[in-house]
C-alpha atoms as a PDB file:
ATOM      1  CA  MET A   1     -13.975  71.037  17.434  1.00  0.00           C
ATOM      2  CA  THR A   2     -13.567  67.274  16.840  1.00  0.00           C
ATOM      3  CA  THR A   3     -10.655  67.156  12.937  1.00  0.00           C
ATOM      4  CA  CYS A   4     -11.281  63.715  11.098  1.00  0.00           C
ATOM      5  CA  PRO A   5      -8.214  62.147  10.421  1.00  0.00           C
ATOM      6  CA  LYS A   6      -9.180  61.193   6.969  1.00  0.00           C
ATOM      7  CA  CYS A   7     -10.161  64.390   5.333  1.00  0.00           C
ATOM      8  CA  HIS A   8      -8.566  66.609   8.075  1.00  0.00           C
ATOM      9  CA  TYR A   9     -11.723  68.432   7.625  1.00  0.00           C
ATOM     10  CA  THR A  10     -13.335  70.374  11.209  1.00  0.00           C
ATOM     11  CA  ARG A  11     -16.545  69.419  12.361  1.00  0.00           C
ATOM     12  CA  ARG A  12     -19.093  73.007  13.076  1.00  0.00           C
ATOM     13  CA  PRO A  13     -21.632  73.335  15.773  1.00  0.00           C
ATOM     14  CA  GLU A  14     -24.558  73.422  12.472  1.00  0.00           C
ATOM     15  CA  ASP A  15     -23.093  70.480  11.706  1.00  0.00           C
ATOM     16  CA  THR A  16     -26.463  67.219  12.696  1.00  0.00           C
ATOM     17  CA  ALA A  17     -24.140  64.500  11.734  1.00  0.00           C
ATOM     18  CA  PRO A  18     -23.353  61.631  14.817  1.00  0.00           C
ATOM     19  CA  ASP A  19     -20.347  62.901  17.054  1.00  0.00           C
ATOM     20  CA  TYR A  20     -18.184  59.908  16.556  1.00  0.00           C
ATOM     21  CA  GLU A  21     -18.342  60.465  12.466  1.00  0.00           C
ATOM     22  CA  CYS A  22     -18.027  62.509   9.836  1.00  0.00           C
ATOM     23  CA  PRO A  23     -20.058  64.844   8.177  1.00  0.00           C
ATOM     24  CA  LYS A  24     -18.095  65.497   5.395  1.00  0.00           C
ATOM     25  CA  CYS A  25     -16.622  61.910   4.084  1.00  0.00           C
ATOM     26  CA  GLY A  26     -18.299  59.926   6.627  1.00  0.00           C
ATOM     27  CA  VAL A  27     -15.321  57.840   8.137  1.00  0.00           C
ATOM     28  CA  VAL A  28     -15.511  57.034  12.299  1.00  0.00           C
ATOM     29  CA  TYR A  29     -12.740  59.154  14.489  1.00  0.00           C
ATOM     30  CA  ALA A  30     -11.982  55.940  16.052  1.00  0.00           C
ATOM     31  CA  LYS A  31     -11.565  53.736  12.609  1.00  0.00           C
ATOM     32  CA  ALA A  32     -10.068  56.499  11.250  1.00  0.00           C
ATOM     33  CA  ALA A  33      -7.657  56.885  13.671  1.00  0.00           C
ATOM     34  CA  SER A  34      -6.699  53.551  14.436  1.00  0.00           C
ATOM     35  CA  ARG A  35      -5.381  53.297  11.281  1.00  0.00           C
ATOM     36  CA  PRO A  36      -1.574  54.569  10.223  1.00  0.00           C
ATOM     37  CA  SER A  37      -1.410  57.315   7.519  1.00  0.00           C
ATOM     38  CA  LYS A  38       0.565  57.151   4.605  1.00  0.00           C
ATOM     39  CA  GLN A  39       3.719  58.885   4.594  1.00  0.00           C
ATOM     40  CA  PRO A  40       5.086  59.316   1.224  1.00  0.00           C
ATOM     41  CA  ALA A  41       8.449  60.031   3.537  1.00  0.00           C
ATOM     42  CA  ALA A  42       8.184  56.043   3.949  1.00  0.00           C
ATOM     43  CA  GLN A  43       9.240  55.609   0.069  1.00  0.00           C
ATOM     44  CA  ALA A  44      12.605  57.564   0.844  1.00  0.00           C
ATOM     45  CA  PRO A  45      14.814  54.231   2.188  1.00  0.00           C
ATOM     46  CA  ARG A  46      13.983  52.459  -1.117  1.00  0.00           C
ATOM     47  CA  ARG A  47      14.937  56.022  -3.012  1.00  0.00           C
ATOM     48  CA  ASN A  48      18.148  55.684  -1.048  1.00  0.00           C
ATOM     49  CA  GLY A  49      18.649  51.931  -1.128  1.00  0.00           C
ATOM     50  CA  GLY A  50      18.314  52.638  -4.999  1.00  0.00           C
ATOM     51  CA  VAL A  51      20.453  54.652  -5.299  1.00  0.00           C
ATOM     52  CA  ILE A  52      23.026  52.744  -2.982  1.00  0.00           C
ATOM     53  CA  LEU A  53      23.099  49.435  -4.702  1.00  0.00           C
ATOM     54  CA  ALA A  54      23.927  51.397  -8.121  1.00  0.00           C
ATOM     55  CA  VAL A  55      26.851  53.332  -6.003  1.00  0.00           C
ATOM     56  CA  LEU A  56      27.414  49.206  -4.442  1.00  0.00           C
ATOM     57  CA  LEU A  57      27.445  48.020  -8.717  1.00  0.00           C
ATOM     58  CA  LEU A  58      29.476  51.178  -9.840  1.00  0.00           C
ATOM     59  CA  ALA A  59      32.292  50.019  -8.045  1.00  0.00           C
ATOM     60  CA  GLY A  60      32.353  46.706  -8.480  1.00  0.00           C
ATOM     61  CA  GLY A  61      32.055  47.388 -12.484  1.00  0.00           C
ATOM     62  CA  ALA A  62      35.370  49.463 -10.876  1.00  0.00           C
ATOM     63  CA  GLY A  63      37.153  47.036  -9.320  1.00  0.00           C
ATOM     64  CA  GLY A  64      35.960  44.625 -12.057  1.00  0.00           C
ATOM     65  CA  TRP A  65      37.244  46.708 -14.493  1.00  0.00           C
ATOM     66  CA  TRP A  66      40.730  47.601 -12.267  1.00  0.00           C
ATOM     67  CA  ALA A  67      41.420  43.150 -11.801  1.00  0.00           C
ATOM     68  CA  MET A  68      40.586  42.911 -15.099  1.00  0.00           C
ATOM     69  CA  SER A  69      43.312  45.262 -16.067  1.00  0.00           C
ATOM     70  CA  LYS A  70      45.778  44.568 -13.610  1.00  0.00           C
ATOM     71  CA  SER A  71      45.606  40.930 -14.903  1.00  0.00           C
ATOM     72  CA  SER A  72      45.957  42.021 -18.301  1.00  0.00           C
ATOM     73  CA  THR A  73      48.661  43.979 -17.703  1.00  0.00           C
ATOM     74  CA  GLU A  74      50.550  41.264 -15.885  1.00  0.00           C
ATOM     75  CA  LYS A  75      49.304  38.802 -18.227  1.00  0.00           C
ATOM     76  CA  HIS A  76      51.390  40.927 -21.418  1.00  0.00           C
ATOM     77  CA  ALA A  77      54.005  42.088 -18.780  1.00  0.00           C
ATOM     78  CA  PRO A  78      56.719  39.368 -18.894  1.00  0.00           C
ATOM     79  CA  ALA A  79      56.110  39.498 -23.189  1.00  0.00           C
ATOM     80  CA  ALA A  80      56.842  43.478 -22.806  1.00  0.00           C
ATOM     81  CA  LEU A  81      60.508  42.585 -20.788  1.00  0.00           C
ATOM     82  CA  GLN A  82      61.454  40.116 -22.810  1.00  0.00           C
ATOM     83  CA  ALA A  83      60.954  41.769 -25.922  1.00  0.00           C
ATOM     84  CA  VAL A  84      62.906  44.595 -24.451  1.00  0.00           C
ATOM     85  CA  ALA A  85      65.467  41.913 -23.026  1.00  0.00           C
ATOM     86  CA  SER A  86      65.761  40.211 -26.647  1.00  0.00           C
ATOM     87  CA  ALA A  87      65.641  44.215 -28.138  1.00  0.00           C
ATOM     88  CA  ASP A  88      68.801  44.675 -26.014  1.00  0.00           C
ATOM     89  CA  ARG A  89      70.507  41.923 -26.770  1.00  0.00           C
ATOM     90  CA  LYS A  90      70.187  42.303 -30.576  1.00  0.00           C
ATOM     91  CA  LYS A  91      71.674  45.618 -29.404  1.00  0.00           C
ATOM     92  CA  VAL A  92      74.592  44.045 -28.175  1.00  0.00           C
ATOM     93  CA  GLU A  93      74.575  41.546 -30.901  1.00  0.00           C
ATOM     94  CA  GLU A  94      74.662  43.521 -33.126  1.00  0.00           C
ATOM     95  CA  GLU A  95      77.576  46.115 -31.864  1.00  0.00           C
ATOM     96  CA  ALA A  96      79.912  43.422 -31.020  1.00  0.00           C
ATOM     97  CA  PHE A  97      79.123  42.590 -35.147  1.00  0.00           C
ATOM     98  CA  LEU A  98      80.475  45.952 -35.766  1.00  0.00           C
ATOM     99  CA  LYS A  99      83.479  45.541 -33.861  1.00  0.00           C
ATOM    100  CA  ARG A 100      84.528  42.431 -34.566  1.00  0.00           C
ATOM    101  CA  GLN A 101      84.490  43.650 -38.676  1.00  0.00           C
ATOM    102  CA  ALA A 102      86.586  46.784 -37.496  1.00  0.00           C
ATOM    103  CA  GLU A 103      88.857  44.630 -36.476  1.00  0.00           C
ATOM    104  CA  GLU A 104      89.080  42.578 -38.302  1.00  0.00           C
ATOM    105  CA  ARG A 105      89.338  45.573 -41.743  1.00  0.00           C
ATOM    106  CA  GLU A 106      91.798  46.906 -39.512  1.00  0.00           C
ATOM    107  CA  ARG A 107      94.601  43.730 -39.572  1.00  0.00           C
ATOM    108  CA  GLN A 108      93.911  43.153 -42.971  1.00  0.00           C
ATOM    109  CA  LEU A 109      94.858  47.005 -43.373  1.00  0.00           C
ATOM    110  CA  LEU A 110      98.699  45.722 -41.499  1.00  0.00           C
ATOM    111  CA  GLU A 111      98.451  43.224 -42.984  1.00  0.00           C
ATOM    112  CA  LYS A 112      98.746  44.572 -46.335  1.00  0.00           C
ATOM    113  CA  ALA A 113     100.827  47.251 -45.131  1.00  0.00           C
ATOM    114  CA  GLY A 114     102.972  45.314 -44.074  1.00  0.00           C
ATOM    115  CA  LYS A 115     103.314  42.594 -46.760  1.00  0.00           C
ATOM    116  CA  ASP A 116     103.735  46.155 -49.719  1.00  0.00           C
ATOM    117  CA  LEU A 117     106.365  46.990 -47.535  1.00  0.00           C
ATOM    118  CA  GLU A 118     108.561  43.643 -47.557  1.00  0.00           C
ATOM    119  CA  ARG A 119     107.623  43.292 -51.439  1.00  0.00           C
ATOM    120  CA  LEU A 120     109.845  47.125 -51.623  1.00  0.00           C
ATOM    121  CA  HIS A 121     112.303  45.703 -49.687  1.00  0.00           C
ATOM    122  CA  SER A 122     112.816  42.142 -51.365  1.00  0.00           C
ATOM    123  CA  ARG A 123     112.544  44.916 -55.052  1.00  0.00           C
ATOM    124  CA  TRP A 124     115.651  46.594 -53.753  1.00  0.00           C
ATOM    125  CA  LYS A 125     117.210  43.367 -52.734  1.00  0.00           C
ATOM    126  CA  ASP A 126     117.180  42.385 -57.075  1.00  0.00           C
ATOM    127  CA  ALA A 127     117.182  46.353 -58.682  1.00  0.00           C
ATOM    128  CA  SER A 128     120.354  46.287 -55.229  1.00  0.00           C
ATOM    129  CA  ALA A 129     121.853  43.374 -56.584  1.00  0.00           C
ATOM    130  CA  LEU A 130     121.771  44.175 -60.712  1.00  0.00           C
ATOM    131  CA  ALA A 131     123.344  46.972 -59.685  1.00  0.00           C
ATOM    132  CA  GLY A 132     126.303  45.275 -57.652  1.00  0.00           C
ATOM    133  CA  SER A 133     126.712  43.554 -61.332  1.00  0.00           C
ATOM    134  CA  THR A 134     126.922  45.713 -63.026  1.00  0.00           C
ATOM    135  CA  ALA A 135     130.235  47.909 -64.584  1.00  0.00           C
ATOM    136  CA  ARG A 136     131.138  51.237 -62.876  1.00  0.00           C
ATOM    137  CA  ILE A 137     130.309  53.321 -66.098  1.00  0.00           C
ATOM    138  CA  ALA A 138     127.238  51.727 -66.498  1.00  0.00           C
ATOM    139  CA  LEU A 139     125.568  52.576 -63.083  1.00  0.00           C
ATOM    140  CA  ALA A 140     123.586  55.002 -64.000  1.00  0.00           C
ATOM    141  CA  THR A 141     119.890  52.997 -64.788  1.00  0.00           C
ATOM    142  CA  PRO A 142     120.153  50.250 -61.805  1.00  0.00           C
ATOM    143  CA  VAL A 143     120.565  53.742 -59.792  1.00  0.00           C
ATOM    144  CA  ALA A 144     118.356  55.003 -60.687  1.00  0.00           C
ATOM    145  CA  SER A 145     115.515  52.476 -60.494  1.00  0.00           C
ATOM    146  CA  LEU A 146     116.584  52.113 -57.024  1.00  0.00           C
ATOM    147  CA  GLN A 147     116.740  55.264 -56.931  1.00  0.00           C
ATOM    148  CA  ALA A 148     112.430  54.799 -58.061  1.00  0.00           C
ATOM    149  CA  ILE A 149     111.744  52.333 -55.903  1.00  0.00           C
ATOM    150  CA  ARG A 150     113.143  54.886 -52.422  1.00  0.00           C
ATOM    151  CA  ARG A 151     110.592  57.174 -53.410  1.00  0.00           C
ATOM    152  CA  GLU A 152     107.589  54.624 -53.354  1.00  0.00           C
ATOM    153  CA  ALA A 153     108.417  53.589 -50.158  1.00  0.00           C
ATOM    154  CA  ALA A 154     108.871  57.012 -49.325  1.00  0.00           C
ATOM    155  CA  GLU A 155     105.899  57.885 -50.268  1.00  0.00           C
ATOM    156  CA  MET A 156     104.326  55.155 -49.160  1.00  0.00           C
ATOM    157  CA  VAL A 157     101.622  55.435 -46.242  1.00  0.00           C
ATOM    158  CA  VAL A 158     101.813  52.936 -43.274  1.00  0.00           C
ATOM    159  CA  PRO A 159      99.788  52.532 -40.308  1.00  0.00           C
ATOM    160  CA  GLU A 160     101.756  54.293 -37.044  1.00  0.00           C
ATOM    161  CA  CYS A 161     102.854  50.335 -35.998  1.00  0.00           C
ATOM    162  CA  LEU A 162     105.248  50.219 -39.210  1.00  0.00           C
ATOM    163  CA  ASP A 163     106.230  53.816 -38.687  1.00  0.00           C
ATOM    164  CA  SER A 164     110.031  52.252 -37.614  1.00  0.00           C
ATOM    165  CA  PRO A 165     110.037  49.340 -39.980  1.00  0.00           C
ATOM    166  CA  LYS A 166     109.846  51.689 -42.695  1.00  0.00           C
ATOM    167  CA  ALA A 167     111.844  54.386 -41.588  1.00  0.00           C
ATOM    168  CA  ALA A 168     115.070  51.511 -41.106  1.00  0.00           C
ATOM    169  CA  LEU A 169     113.994  50.627 -45.046  1.00  0.00           C
ATOM    170  CA  LEU A 170     114.550  54.001 -46.045  1.00  0.00           C
ATOM    171  CA  GLU A 171     117.657  54.567 -44.172  1.00  0.00           C
ATOM    172  CA  GLY A 172     118.951  51.709 -45.915  1.00  0.00           C
ATOM    173  CA  MET A 173     118.291  52.491 -48.805  1.00  0.00           C
ATOM    174  CA  ASP A 174     119.502  56.459 -48.482  1.00  0.00           C
ATOM    175  CA  LYS A 175     123.143  54.428 -47.296  1.00  0.00           C
ATOM    176  CA  GLU A 176     123.048  51.978 -50.509  1.00  0.00           C
ATOM    177  CA  VAL A 177     121.910  54.966 -53.582  1.00  0.00           C
ATOM    178  CA  GLU A 178     124.389  57.172 -51.742  1.00  0.00           C
ATOM    179  CA  GLY A 179     127.444  54.669 -51.864  1.00  0.00           C
ATOM    180  CA  TYR A 180     126.851  53.767 -55.714  1.00  0.00           C
ATOM    181  CA  MET A 181     126.874  57.624 -55.885  1.00  0.00           C
ATOM    182  CA  LYS A 182     130.011  57.493 -53.956  1.00  0.00           C
ATOM    183  CA  PHE A 183     131.402  55.169 -56.555  1.00  0.00           C
ATOM    184  CA  MET A 184     130.734  56.405 -59.775  1.00  0.00           C
ATOM    185  CA  GLN A 185     132.274  59.552 -58.866  1.00  0.00           C
ATOM    186  CA  ASP A 186     135.454  58.371 -57.829  1.00  0.00           C
ATOM    187  CA  ALA A 187     136.637  54.419 -58.283  1.00  0.00           C
ATOM    188  CA  ASN A 188     139.742  54.643 -55.579  1.00  0.00           C
ATOM    189  CA  VAL A 189     138.060  56.496 -52.610  1.00  0.00           C
ATOM    190  CA  GLY A 190     134.424  56.279 -54.160  1.00  0.00           C
ATOM    191  CA  LYS A 191     135.111  52.258 -53.225  1.00  0.00           C
ATOM    192  CA  TYR A 192     136.451  52.610 -50.487  1.00  0.00           C
ATOM    193  CA  LEU A 193     133.139  55.835 -48.983  1.00  0.00           C
ATOM    194  CA  ALA A 194     130.662  52.899 -50.813  1.00  0.00           C
ATOM    195  CA  SER A 195     131.761  50.556 -48.756  1.00  0.00           C
ATOM    196  CA  GLN A 196     131.768  51.770 -45.830  1.00  0.00           C
ATOM    197  CA  LEU A 197     127.933  53.271 -46.544  1.00  0.00           C
ATOM    198  CA  PHE A 198     126.968  49.868 -47.997  1.00  0.00           C
ATOM    199  CA  VAL A 199     128.150  47.856 -44.128  1.00  0.00           C
ATOM    200  CA  GLU A 200     125.316  50.756 -42.748  1.00  0.00           C
ATOM    201  CA  ALA A 201     123.158  50.038 -44.994  1.00  0.00           C
ATOM    202  CA  SER A 202     123.448  46.232 -44.686  1.00  0.00           C
ATOM    203  CA  ASP A 203     122.666  46.750 -40.696  1.00  0.00           C
ATOM    204  CA  ALA A 204     119.670  49.460 -42.088  1.00  0.00           C
ATOM    205  CA  PHE A 205     118.301  46.205 -43.672  1.00  0.00           C
ATOM    206  CA  GLY A 206     118.431  43.967 -40.728  1.00  0.00           C
ATOM    207  CA  LYS A 207     116.624  46.530 -38.503  1.00  0.00           C
ATOM    208  CA  PHE A 208     113.542  46.823 -40.450  1.00  0.00           C
ATOM    209  CA  THR A 209     113.558  42.547 -40.582  1.00  0.00           C
ATOM    210  CA  PHE A 210     113.933  42.930 -37.025  1.00  0.00           C
ATOM    211  CA  ARG A 211     111.170  45.688 -36.619  1.00  0.00           C
ATOM    212  CA  MET A 212     109.085  43.652 -39.027  1.00  0.00           C
ATOM    213  CA  LYS A 213     108.626  40.797 -36.885  1.00  0.00           C
ATOM    214  CA  ASP A 214     106.473  42.133 -33.834  1.00  0.00           C
ATOM    215  CA  ALA A 215     106.129  45.692 -35.453  1.00  0.00           C
ATOM    216  CA  CYS A 216     101.931  45.170 -34.658  1.00  0.00           C
ATOM    217  CA  PRO A 217      99.224  43.461 -32.914  1.00  0.00           C
ATOM    218  CA  LYS A 218      98.363  39.990 -34.709  1.00  0.00           C
ATOM    219  CA  GLY A 219      94.886  39.976 -34.146  1.00  0.00           C
END
């Protein structure tokens, strides 16, 4: 039995069409057999090609985005690094400024404390000179003034570097007040004891002046 290559009709014994012709569609078997059949699968490569093209386009787009992103990053990287460096530099400058301020405040405090001690010493010398020119019977008031200055010096809070000069100043004040007290109690013996105490007081005041020269670091 012959089957038509076009319509796939199988020839039957009762068919009256010529042997070379399909009874159903009338095509000549030989011509139909020589024509290539249309295969739907032939479109598959085209579809696959479209998929491949889409993949390539996506890959190309992703590659382009990455390249643009990298270019943008490289373009802005120096600016970012510069901003970080600027911030670090500003922080260092600020810390240096605060350090200088702290050092200046400390220098001013040291200078003020030193001047305060020097002024007390100067006031003491004036009060001591007045007491030295006062009669023994009238020494109570000048000595009271000396004692008031001594209390003021003792209450003064000074930086650590001025502790030693302050101690020498207080020692001189104590010796001198004690000398005047001895002299007020007894004109003869007191005068002798007072003279010894006045010498010790003078030595202590000398130590104060010497220690004040290099007591604190100079700014």
